[in-house]
Amino acid sequence: MLLTELEIQQVLEQVQSAFPNLTDWEYNNEKNDEYFGFSVWGQFLINSEELIMPRRFFITLDTYEDKWQGCLTVGQPSYLWSSADVGDAPKSRYRAK
C-alpha cells in the first residue's frame, strides 16, 4: 500500500506522538525489492559511557496490502530480504537493514 503526501504527514505525526522517545524518523513510500509499500521507522539510541558502542533500537511500521505490522529490531530498521545462502530464496522475510 502506498500513501498520499497528506497520509504520510498524518502517519509521521501519529508515530512521533505515540513514540516520543524515538528520533530520526524516516520512511519509504514505494514498492521495491526491500519494501511491500509504505514503511516508517524511528530509532531509540542508548549512548552510555559504559558501552563500547551506542545501542540503536528501531521500531518499523509497514504496510502489506491493506494491513499494518510492526517490528522491533536492534542495530538497523526492518526491511525485506531474500538470500539463497540460507536456503530461503523462494520466499522473503524481514531483516534489519
PDB file of N, CA and C in Angstrom:
ATOM      1  N   MET A   1       0.847  -1.167   0.000  1.00  0.00           N
ATOM      2  CA  MET A   1       0.000   0.000   0.000  1.00  0.00           C
ATOM      3  C   MET A   1       0.896   1.235   0.000  1.00  0.00           C
ATOM      4  N   LEU A   2       0.592   2.158  -0.868  1.00  0.00           N
ATOM      5  CA  LEU A   2       1.290   3.431  -0.915  1.00  0.00           C
ATOM      6  C   LEU A   2       0.381   4.513  -0.347  1.00  0.00           C
ATOM      7  N   LEU A   3       0.982   5.533   0.251  1.00  0.00           N
ATOM      8  CA  LEU A   3       0.218   6.602   0.885  1.00  0.00           C
ATOM      9  C   LEU A   3       0.362   7.902   0.107  1.00  0.00           C
ATOM     10  N   THR A   4      -0.627   8.768   0.243  1.00  0.00           N
ATOM     11  CA  THR A   4      -0.539  10.113  -0.324  1.00  0.00           C
ATOM     12  C   THR A   4       0.346  10.964   0.588  1.00  0.00           C
ATOM     13  N   GLU A   5       0.757  12.128   0.099  1.00  0.00           N
ATOM     14  CA  GLU A   5       1.579  13.023   0.924  1.00  0.00           C
ATOM     15  C   GLU A   5       0.855  13.417   2.209  1.00  0.00           C
ATOM     16  N   LEU A   6      -0.435  13.660   2.120  1.00  0.00           N
ATOM     17  CA  LEU A   6      -1.217  14.010   3.310  1.00  0.00           C
ATOM     18  C   LEU A   6      -1.236  12.850   4.303  1.00  0.00           C
ATOM     19  N   GLU A   7      -1.442  11.632   3.811  1.00  0.00           N
ATOM     20  CA  GLU A   7      -1.445  10.456   4.690  1.00  0.00           C
ATOM     21  C   GLU A   7      -0.077  10.241   5.328  1.00  0.00           C
ATOM     22  N   ILE A   8       0.988  10.479   4.570  1.00  0.00           N
ATOM     23  CA  ILE A   8       2.347  10.334   5.115  1.00  0.00           C
ATOM     24  C   ILE A   8       2.547  11.307   6.271  1.00  0.00           C
ATOM     25  N   GLN A   9       2.149  12.558   6.095  1.00  0.00           N
ATOM     26  CA  GLN A   9       2.297  13.550   7.162  1.00  0.00           C
ATOM     27  C   GLN A   9       1.481  13.165   8.388  1.00  0.00           C
ATOM     28  N   GLN A  10       0.282  12.618   8.183  1.00  0.00           N
ATOM     29  CA  GLN A  10      -0.549  12.173   9.303  1.00  0.00           C
ATOM     30  C   GLN A  10       0.116  11.014  10.041  1.00  0.00           C
ATOM     31  N   VAL A  11       0.678  10.064   9.296  1.00  0.00           N
ATOM     32  CA  VAL A  11       1.362   8.927   9.922  1.00  0.00           C
ATOM     33  C   VAL A  11       2.570   9.414  10.711  1.00  0.00           C
ATOM     34  N   LEU A  12       3.367  10.311  10.132  1.00  0.00           N
ATOM     35  CA  LEU A  12       4.540  10.829  10.843  1.00  0.00           C
ATOM     36  C   LEU A  12       4.137  11.524  12.142  1.00  0.00           C
ATOM     37  N   GLU A  13       3.067  12.287  12.110  1.00  0.00           N
ATOM     38  CA  GLU A  13       2.585  12.939  13.335  1.00  0.00           C
ATOM     39  C   GLU A  13       2.143  11.903  14.366  1.00  0.00           C
ATOM     40  N   GLN A  14       1.456  10.857  13.916  1.00  0.00           N
ATOM     41  CA  GLN A  14       0.973   9.819  14.838  1.00  0.00           C
ATOM     42  C   GLN A  14       2.124   9.044  15.471  1.00  0.00           C
ATOM     43  N   VAL A  15       3.112   8.635  14.665  1.00  0.00           N
ATOM     44  CA  VAL A  15       4.200   7.834  15.240  1.00  0.00           C
ATOM     45  C   VAL A  15       5.076   8.673  16.160  1.00  0.00           C
ATOM     46  N   GLN A  16       5.289   9.934  15.815  1.00  0.00           N
ATOM     47  CA  GLN A  16       6.086  10.799  16.685  1.00  0.00           C
ATOM     48  C   GLN A  16       5.370  11.058  18.000  1.00  0.00           C
ATOM     49  N   SER A  17       4.061  11.110  17.957  1.00  0.00           N
ATOM     50  CA  SER A  17       3.273  11.283  19.177  1.00  0.00           C
ATOM     51  C   SER A  17       3.234   9.990  19.995  1.00  0.00           C
ATOM     52  N   ALA A  18       3.085   8.856  19.317  1.00  0.00           N
ATOM     53  CA  ALA A  18       2.991   7.561  20.003  1.00  0.00           C
ATOM     54  C   ALA A  18       4.332   7.110  20.575  1.00  0.00           C
ATOM     55  N   PHE A  19       5.431   7.497  19.931  1.00  0.00           N
ATOM     56  CA  PHE A  19       6.772   7.083  20.359  1.00  0.00           C
ATOM     57  C   PHE A  19       7.649   8.326  20.540  1.00  0.00           C
ATOM     58  N   PRO A  20       7.397   9.128  21.582  1.00  0.00           N
ATOM     59  CA  PRO A  20       8.113  10.397  21.738  1.00  0.00           C
ATOM     60  C   PRO A  20       9.610  10.248  22.016  1.00  0.00           C
ATOM     61  N   ASN A  21      10.058   9.081  22.452  1.00  0.00           N
ATOM     62  CA  ASN A  21      11.480   8.891  22.740  1.00  0.00           C
ATOM     63  C   ASN A  21      12.275   8.408  21.537  1.00  0.00           C
ATOM     64  N   LEU A  22      11.602   8.146  20.421  1.00  0.00           N
ATOM     65  CA  LEU A  22      12.293   7.745  19.205  1.00  0.00           C
ATOM     66  C   LEU A  22      12.585   8.983  18.366  1.00  0.00           C
ATOM     67  N   THR A  23      13.700   8.945  17.636  1.00  0.00           N
ATOM     68  CA  THR A  23      14.127  10.086  16.829  1.00  0.00           C
ATOM     69  C   THR A  23      14.469   9.625  15.418  1.00  0.00           C
ATOM     70  N   ASP A  24      14.890  10.574  14.618  1.00  0.00           N
ATOM     71  CA  ASP A  24      15.373  10.314  13.256  1.00  0.00           C
ATOM     72  C   ASP A  24      14.384   9.493  12.435  1.00  0.00           C
ATOM     73  N   TRP A  25      13.122   9.899  12.428  1.00  0.00           N
ATOM     74  CA  TRP A  25      12.085   9.186  11.680  1.00  0.00           C
ATOM     75  C   TRP A  25      12.349   9.292  10.185  1.00  0.00           C
ATOM     76  N   GLU A  26      12.267   8.158   9.511  1.00  0.00           N
ATOM     77  CA  GLU A  26      12.419   8.089   8.064  1.00  0.00           C
ATOM     78  C   GLU A  26      11.306   7.215   7.512  1.00  0.00           C
ATOM     79  N   TYR A  27      11.088   7.297   6.199  1.00  0.00           N
ATOM     80  CA  TYR A  27      10.065   6.448   5.597  1.00  0.00           C
ATOM     81  C   TYR A  27      10.413   6.107   4.155  1.00  0.00           C
ATOM     82  N   ASN A  28       9.780   5.060   3.657  1.00  0.00           N
ATOM     83  CA  ASN A  28       9.830   4.645   2.262  1.00  0.00           C
ATOM     84  C   ASN A  28       8.384   4.587   1.785  1.00  0.00           C
ATOM     85  N   ASN A  29       8.123   5.080   0.591  1.00  0.00           N
ATOM     86  CA  ASN A  29       6.762   5.042   0.064  1.00  0.00           C
ATOM     87  C   ASN A  29       6.772   4.516  -1.372  1.00  0.00           C
ATOM     88  N   GLU A  30       7.420   3.391  -1.571  1.00  0.00           N
ATOM     89  CA  GLU A  30       7.413   2.749  -2.877  1.00  0.00           C
ATOM     90  C   GLU A  30       7.535   1.246  -2.711  1.00  0.00           C
ATOM     91  N   LYS A  31       7.032   0.525  -3.696  1.00  0.00           N
ATOM     92  CA  LYS A  31       7.180  -0.933  -3.709  1.00  0.00           C
ATOM     93  C   LYS A  31       8.459  -1.248  -4.466  1.00  0.00           C
ATOM     94  N   ASN A  32       9.320  -2.035  -3.837  1.00  0.00           N
ATOM     95  CA  ASN A  32      10.576  -2.416  -4.475  1.00  0.00           C
ATOM     96  C   ASN A  32      11.070  -3.714  -3.844  1.00  0.00           C
ATOM     97  N   ASP A  33      12.328  -4.063  -4.063  1.00  0.00           N
ATOM     98  CA  ASP A  33      12.876  -5.315  -3.532  1.00  0.00           C
ATOM     99  C   ASP A  33      12.971  -5.331  -2.013  1.00  0.00           C
ATOM    100  N   GLU A  34      12.928  -4.172  -1.382  1.00  0.00           N
ATOM    101  CA  GLU A  34      13.096  -4.105   0.068  1.00  0.00           C
ATOM    102  C   GLU A  34      11.804  -3.818   0.830  1.00  0.00           C
ATOM    103  N   TYR A  35      10.769  -3.342   0.135  1.00  0.00           N
ATOM    104  CA  TYR A  35       9.535  -2.950   0.817  1.00  0.00           C
ATOM    105  C   TYR A  35       8.305  -3.346   0.007  1.00  0.00           C
ATOM    106  N   PHE A  36       7.239  -3.751   0.715  1.00  0.00           N
ATOM    107  CA  PHE A  36       5.955  -4.034   0.073  1.00  0.00           C
ATOM    108  C   PHE A  36       5.216  -2.748  -0.277  1.00  0.00           C
ATOM    109  N   GLY A  37       5.606  -1.651   0.308  1.00  0.00           N
ATOM    110  CA  GLY A  37       4.936  -0.363   0.121  1.00  0.00           C
ATOM    111  C   GLY A  37       5.415   0.593   1.190  1.00  0.00           C
ATOM    112  N   PHE A  38       4.489   1.336   1.779  1.00  0.00           N
ATOM    113  CA  PHE A  38       4.872   2.334   2.772  1.00  0.00           C
ATOM    114  C   PHE A  38       5.469   1.679   4.014  1.00  0.00           C
ATOM    115  N   SER A  39       6.555   2.270   4.503  1.00  0.00           N
ATOM    116  CA  SER A  39       7.223   1.816   5.718  1.00  0.00           C
ATOM    117  C   SER A  39       7.800   3.043   6.412  1.00  0.00           C
ATOM    118  N   VAL A  40       7.689   3.083   7.743  1.00  0.00           N
ATOM    119  CA  VAL A  40       8.220   4.200   8.516  1.00  0.00           C
ATOM    120  C   VAL A  40       8.985   3.634   9.710  1.00  0.00           C
ATOM    121  N   TRP A  41      10.111   4.259  10.061  1.00  0.00           N
ATOM    122  CA  TRP A  41      10.896   3.766  11.189  1.00  0.00           C
ATOM    123  C   TRP A  41      11.554   4.927  11.926  1.00  0.00           C
ATOM    124  N   GLY A  42      11.728   4.694  13.221  1.00  0.00           N
ATOM    125  CA  GLY A  42      12.404   5.648  14.086  1.00  0.00           C
ATOM    126  C   GLY A  42      13.348   4.886  15.004  1.00  0.00           C
ATOM    127  N   GLN A  43      14.305   5.588  15.590  1.00  0.00           N
ATOM    128  CA  GLN A  43      15.294   4.907  16.425  1.00  0.00           C
ATOM    129  C   GLN A  43      15.325   5.454  17.843  1.00  0.00           C
ATOM    130  N   PHE A  44      15.698   4.563  18.746  1.00  0.00           N
ATOM    131  CA  PHE A  44      15.942   4.905  20.143  1.00  0.00           C
ATOM    132  C   PHE A  44      17.407   4.592  20.394  1.00  0.00           C
ATOM    133  N   LEU A  45      18.163   5.587  20.779  1.00  0.00           N
ATOM    134  CA  LEU A  45      19.602   5.446  20.943  1.00  0.00           C
ATOM    135  C   LEU A  45      19.970   5.445  22.418  1.00  0.00           C
ATOM    136  N   ILE A  46      20.704   4.419  22.834  1.00  0.00           N
ATOM    137  CA  ILE A  46      21.266   4.381  24.186  1.00  0.00           C
ATOM    138  C   ILE A  46      22.763   4.612  24.029  1.00  0.00           C
ATOM    139  N   ASN A  47      23.223   5.743  24.502  1.00  0.00           N
ATOM    140  CA  ASN A  47      24.633   6.091  24.389  1.00  0.00           C
ATOM    141  C   ASN A  47      25.157   6.350  25.789  1.00  0.00           C
ATOM    142  N   SER A  48      25.861   5.394  26.324  1.00  0.00           N
ATOM    143  CA  SER A  48      26.349   5.475  27.692  1.00  0.00           C
ATOM    144  C   SER A  48      27.862   5.313  27.704  1.00  0.00           C
ATOM    145  N   GLU A  49      28.501   5.913  28.674  1.00  0.00           N
ATOM    146  CA  GLU A  49      29.951   5.755  28.805  1.00  0.00           C
ATOM    147  C   GLU A  49      30.329   4.310  29.102  1.00  0.00           C
ATOM    148  N   GLU A  50      29.389   3.535  29.637  1.00  0.00           N
ATOM    149  CA  GLU A  50      29.654   2.136  29.962  1.00  0.00           C
ATOM    150  C   GLU A  50      29.661   1.241  28.724  1.00  0.00           C
ATOM    151  N   LEU A  51      29.092   1.722  27.629  1.00  0.00           N
ATOM    152  CA  LEU A  51      29.018   0.929  26.405  1.00  0.00           C
ATOM    153  C   LEU A  51      30.181   1.260  25.483  1.00  0.00           C
ATOM    154  N   ILE A  52      30.726   0.246  24.846  1.00  0.00           N
ATOM    155  CA  ILE A  52      31.794   0.466  23.873  1.00  0.00           C
ATOM    156  C   ILE A  52      31.244   1.207  22.659  1.00  0.00           C
ATOM    157  N   MET A  53      30.080   0.792  22.196  1.00  0.00           N
ATOM    158  CA  MET A  53      29.412   1.475  21.096  1.00  0.00           C
ATOM    159  C   MET A  53      27.952   1.704  21.466  1.00  0.00           C
ATOM    160  N   PRO A  54      27.342   2.752  20.914  1.00  0.00           N
ATOM    161  CA  PRO A  54      25.943   3.028  21.247  1.00  0.00           C
ATOM    162  C   PRO A  54      25.020   1.909  20.774  1.00  0.00           C
ATOM    163  N   ARG A  55      23.921   1.717  21.471  1.00  0.00           N
ATOM    164  CA  ARG A  55      22.907   0.728  21.092  1.00  0.00           C
ATOM    165  C   ARG A  55      21.767   1.450  20.403  1.00  0.00           C
ATOM    166  N   ARG A  56      21.405   0.981  19.225  1.00  0.00           N
ATOM    167  CA  ARG A  56      20.304   1.564  18.464  1.00  0.00           C
ATOM    168  C   ARG A  56      19.173   0.553  18.352  1.00  0.00           C
ATOM    169  N   PHE A  57      17.985   0.959  18.781  1.00  0.00           N
ATOM    170  CA  PHE A  57      16.787   0.135  18.663  1.00  0.00           C
ATOM    171  C   PHE A  57      15.852   0.829  17.680  1.00  0.00           C
ATOM    172  N   PHE A  58      15.213   0.056  16.824  1.00  0.00           N
ATOM    173  CA  PHE A  58      14.324   0.621  15.812  1.00  0.00           C
ATOM    174  C   PHE A  58      12.926   0.037  15.926  1.00  0.00           C
ATOM    175  N   ILE A  59      11.946   0.888  15.775  1.00  0.00           N
ATOM    176  CA  ILE A  59      10.554   0.477  15.585  1.00  0.00           C
ATOM    177  C   ILE A  59      10.265   0.733  14.108  1.00  0.00           C
ATOM    178  N   THR A  60       9.863  -0.309  13.394  1.00  0.00           N
ATOM    179  CA  THR A  60       9.487  -0.178  11.987  1.00  0.00           C
ATOM    180  C   THR A  60       8.022  -0.556  11.849  1.00  0.00           C
ATOM    181  N   LEU A  61       7.241   0.321  11.258  1.00  0.00           N
ATOM    182  CA  LEU A  61       5.829   0.067  10.980  1.00  0.00           C
ATOM    183  C   LEU A  61       5.664   0.096   9.470  1.00  0.00           C
ATOM    184  N   ASP A  62       5.134  -1.003   8.909  1.00  0.00           N
ATOM    185  CA  ASP A  62       4.991  -1.010   7.466  1.00  0.00           C
ATOM    186  C   ASP A  62       3.688  -1.647   7.030  1.00  0.00           C
ATOM    187  N   THR A  63       3.418  -1.507   5.742  1.00  0.00           N
ATOM    188  CA  THR A  63       2.150  -1.956   5.180  1.00  0.00           C
ATOM    189  C   THR A  63       2.372  -3.133   4.249  1.00  0.00           C
ATOM    190  N   TYR A  64       1.377  -3.991   4.205  1.00  0.00           N
ATOM    191  CA  TYR A  64       1.313  -5.052   3.208  1.00  0.00           C
ATOM    192  C   TYR A  64      -0.149  -5.161   2.812  1.00  0.00           C
ATOM    193  N   GLU A  65      -0.424  -4.894   1.552  1.00  0.00           N
ATOM    194  CA  GLU A  65      -1.796  -4.781   1.062  1.00  0.00           C
ATOM    195  C   GLU A  65      -2.504  -3.723   1.902  1.00  0.00           C
ATOM    196  N   ASP A  66      -3.528  -4.074   2.673  1.00  0.00           N
ATOM    197  CA  ASP A  66      -4.228  -3.054   3.466  1.00  0.00           C
ATOM    198  C   ASP A  66      -4.002  -3.231   4.962  1.00  0.00           C
ATOM    199  N   LYS A  67      -2.952  -3.940   5.339  1.00  0.00           N
ATOM    200  CA  LYS A  67      -2.675  -4.213   6.752  1.00  0.00           C
ATOM    201  C   LYS A  67      -1.353  -3.566   7.171  1.00  0.00           C
ATOM    202  N   TRP A  68      -1.268  -3.263   8.480  1.00  0.00           N
ATOM    203  CA  TRP A  68      -0.058  -2.709   9.079  1.00  0.00           C
ATOM    204  C   TRP A  68       0.569  -3.761   9.980  1.00  0.00           C
ATOM    205  N   GLN A  69       1.886  -3.731  10.091  1.00  0.00           N
ATOM    206  CA  GLN A  69       2.581  -4.574  11.060  1.00  0.00           C
ATOM    207  C   GLN A  69       3.767  -3.795  11.606  1.00  0.00           C
ATOM    208  N   GLY A  70       4.236  -4.212  12.763  1.00  0.00           N
ATOM    209  CA  GLY A  70       5.351  -3.532  13.399  1.00  0.00           C
ATOM    210  C   GLY A  70       6.449  -4.503  13.781  1.00  0.00           C
ATOM    211  N   CYS A  71       7.681  -4.014  13.768  1.00  0.00           N
ATOM    212  CA  CYS A  71       8.842  -4.818  14.156  1.00  0.00           C
ATOM    213  C   CYS A  71       9.732  -3.989  15.076  1.00  0.00           C
ATOM    214  N   LEU A  72      10.314  -4.649  16.054  1.00  0.00           N
ATOM    215  CA  LEU A  72      11.334  -4.045  16.902  1.00  0.00           C
ATOM    216  C   LEU A  72      12.640  -4.725  16.545  1.00  0.00           C
ATOM    217  N   THR A  73      13.636  -3.949  16.136  1.00  0.00           N
ATOM    218  CA  THR A  73      14.928  -4.515  15.763  1.00  0.00           C
ATOM    219  C   THR A  73      16.045  -3.770  16.484  1.00  0.00           C
ATOM    220  N   VAL A  74      17.196  -4.389  16.539  1.00  0.00           N
ATOM    221  CA  VAL A  74      18.382  -3.796  17.149  1.00  0.00           C
ATOM    222  C   VAL A  74      19.401  -3.556  16.043  1.00  0.00           C
ATOM    223  N   GLY A  75      19.964  -2.357  15.990  1.00  0.00           N
ATOM    224  CA  GLY A  75      21.029  -2.067  15.043  1.00  0.00           C
ATOM    225  C   GLY A  75      20.586  -1.371  13.782  1.00  0.00           C
ATOM    226  N   GLN A  76      19.524  -1.870  13.144  1.00  0.00           N
ATOM    227  CA  GLN A  76      19.043  -1.303  11.892  1.00  0.00           C
ATOM    228  C   GLN A  76      17.542  -1.515  11.776  1.00  0.00           C
ATOM    229  N   PRO A  77      16.868  -0.687  10.945  1.00  0.00           N
ATOM    230  CA  PRO A  77      15.428  -0.897  10.756  1.00  0.00           C
ATOM    231  C   PRO A  77      15.148  -2.161   9.952  1.00  0.00           C
ATOM    232  N   SER A  78      13.919  -2.602   9.983  1.00  0.00           N
ATOM    233  CA  SER A  78      13.495  -3.824   9.313  1.00  0.00           C
ATOM    234  C   SER A  78      13.185  -3.564   7.838  1.00  0.00           C
ATOM    235  N   TYR A  79      13.504  -4.545   6.981  1.00  0.00           N
ATOM    236  CA  TYR A  79      13.151  -4.485   5.566  1.00  0.00           C
ATOM    237  C   TYR A  79      13.129  -5.901   5.013  1.00  0.00           C
ATOM    238  N   LEU A  80      12.670  -6.060   3.771  1.00  0.00           N
ATOM    239  CA  LEU A  80      12.597  -7.379   3.139  1.00  0.00           C
ATOM    240  C   LEU A  80      13.962  -7.814   2.626  1.00  0.00           C
ATOM    241  N   TRP A  81      14.189  -9.099   2.634  1.00  0.00           N
ATOM    242  CA  TRP A  81      15.405  -9.635   2.038  1.00  0.00           C
ATOM    243  C   TRP A  81      15.161 -11.071   1.619  1.00  0.00           C
ATOM    244  N   SER A  82      16.010 -11.560   0.771  1.00  0.00           N
ATOM    245  CA  SER A  82      15.975 -12.954   0.359  1.00  0.00           C
ATOM    246  C   SER A  82      17.404 -13.357   0.040  1.00  0.00           C
ATOM    247  N   SER A  83      17.772 -14.562   0.432  1.00  0.00           N
ATOM    248  CA  SER A  83      19.141 -14.996   0.213  1.00  0.00           C
ATOM    249  C   SER A  83      19.195 -16.484  -0.057  1.00  0.00           C
ATOM    250  N   ALA A  84      19.805 -16.861  -1.164  1.00  0.00           N
ATOM    251  CA  ALA A  84      19.971 -18.280  -1.467  1.00  0.00           C
ATOM    252  C   ALA A  84      20.976 -18.922  -0.518  1.00  0.00           C
ATOM    253  N   ASP A  85      21.821 -18.116   0.103  1.00  0.00           N
ATOM    254  CA  ASP A  85      22.838 -18.649   1.010  1.00  0.00           C
ATOM    255  C   ASP A  85      22.241 -19.347   2.227  1.00  0.00           C
ATOM    256  N   VAL A  86      21.044 -18.964   2.627  1.00  0.00           N
ATOM    257  CA  VAL A  86      20.428 -19.592   3.793  1.00  0.00           C
ATOM    258  C   VAL A  86      19.208 -20.412   3.407  1.00  0.00           C
ATOM    259  N   GLY A  87      19.071 -20.706   2.113  1.00  0.00           N
ATOM    260  CA  GLY A  87      18.032 -21.621   1.672  1.00  0.00           C
ATOM    261  C   GLY A  87      16.628 -21.069   1.643  1.00  0.00           C
ATOM    262  N   ASP A  88      16.466 -19.757   1.551  1.00  0.00           N
ATOM    263  CA  ASP A  88      15.110 -19.208   1.545  1.00  0.00           C
ATOM    264  C   ASP A  88      14.840 -18.369   0.301  1.00  0.00           C
ATOM    265  N   ALA A  89      15.556 -18.618  -0.794  1.00  0.00           N
ATOM    266  CA  ALA A  89      15.413 -17.797  -1.997  1.00  0.00           C
ATOM    267  C   ALA A  89      13.983 -17.664  -2.500  1.00  0.00           C
ATOM    268  N   PRO A  90      13.133 -18.700  -2.445  1.00  0.00           N
ATOM    269  CA  PRO A  90      11.785 -18.527  -2.967  1.00  0.00           C
ATOM    270  C   PRO A  90      10.900 -17.622  -2.116  1.00  0.00           C
ATOM    271  N   LYS A  91      11.258 -17.360  -0.905  1.00  0.00           N
ATOM    272  CA  LYS A  91      10.390 -16.551  -0.054  1.00  0.00           C
ATOM    273  C   LYS A  91      11.170 -15.377   0.522  1.00  0.00           C
ATOM    274  N   SER A  92      10.462 -14.398   0.973  1.00  0.00           N
ATOM    275  CA  SER A  92      11.090 -13.228   1.586  1.00  0.00           C
ATOM    276  C   SER A  92      10.817 -13.236   3.072  1.00  0.00           C
ATOM    277  N   ARG A  93      11.680 -12.619   3.823  1.00  0.00           N
ATOM    278  CA  ARG A  93      11.465 -12.435   5.258  1.00  0.00           C
ATOM    279  C   ARG A  93      12.039 -11.095   5.652  1.00  0.00           C
ATOM    280  N   TYR A  94      11.706 -10.645   6.833  1.00  0.00           N
ATOM    281  CA  TYR A  94      12.192  -9.356   7.300  1.00  0.00           C
ATOM    282  C   TYR A  94      13.570  -9.500   7.902  1.00  0.00           C
ATOM    283  N   ARG A  95      14.345  -8.452   7.738  1.00  0.00           N
ATOM    284  CA  ARG A  95      15.689  -8.433   8.284  1.00  0.00           C
ATOM    285  C   ARG A  95      16.034  -6.993   8.644  1.00  0.00           C
ATOM    286  N   ALA A  96      16.858  -6.835   9.625  1.00  0.00           N
ATOM    287  CA  ALA A  96      17.330  -5.493   9.963  1.00  0.00           C
ATOM    288  C   ALA A  96      18.197  -4.994   8.826  1.00  0.00           C
ATOM    289  N   LYS A  97      18.022  -3.743   8.462  1.00  0.00           N
ATOM    290  CA  LYS A  97      18.706  -3.158   7.312  1.00  0.00           C
ATOM    291  C   LYS A  97      20.146  -2.830   7.617  1.00  0.00           C
TER     292      LYS A  97
END
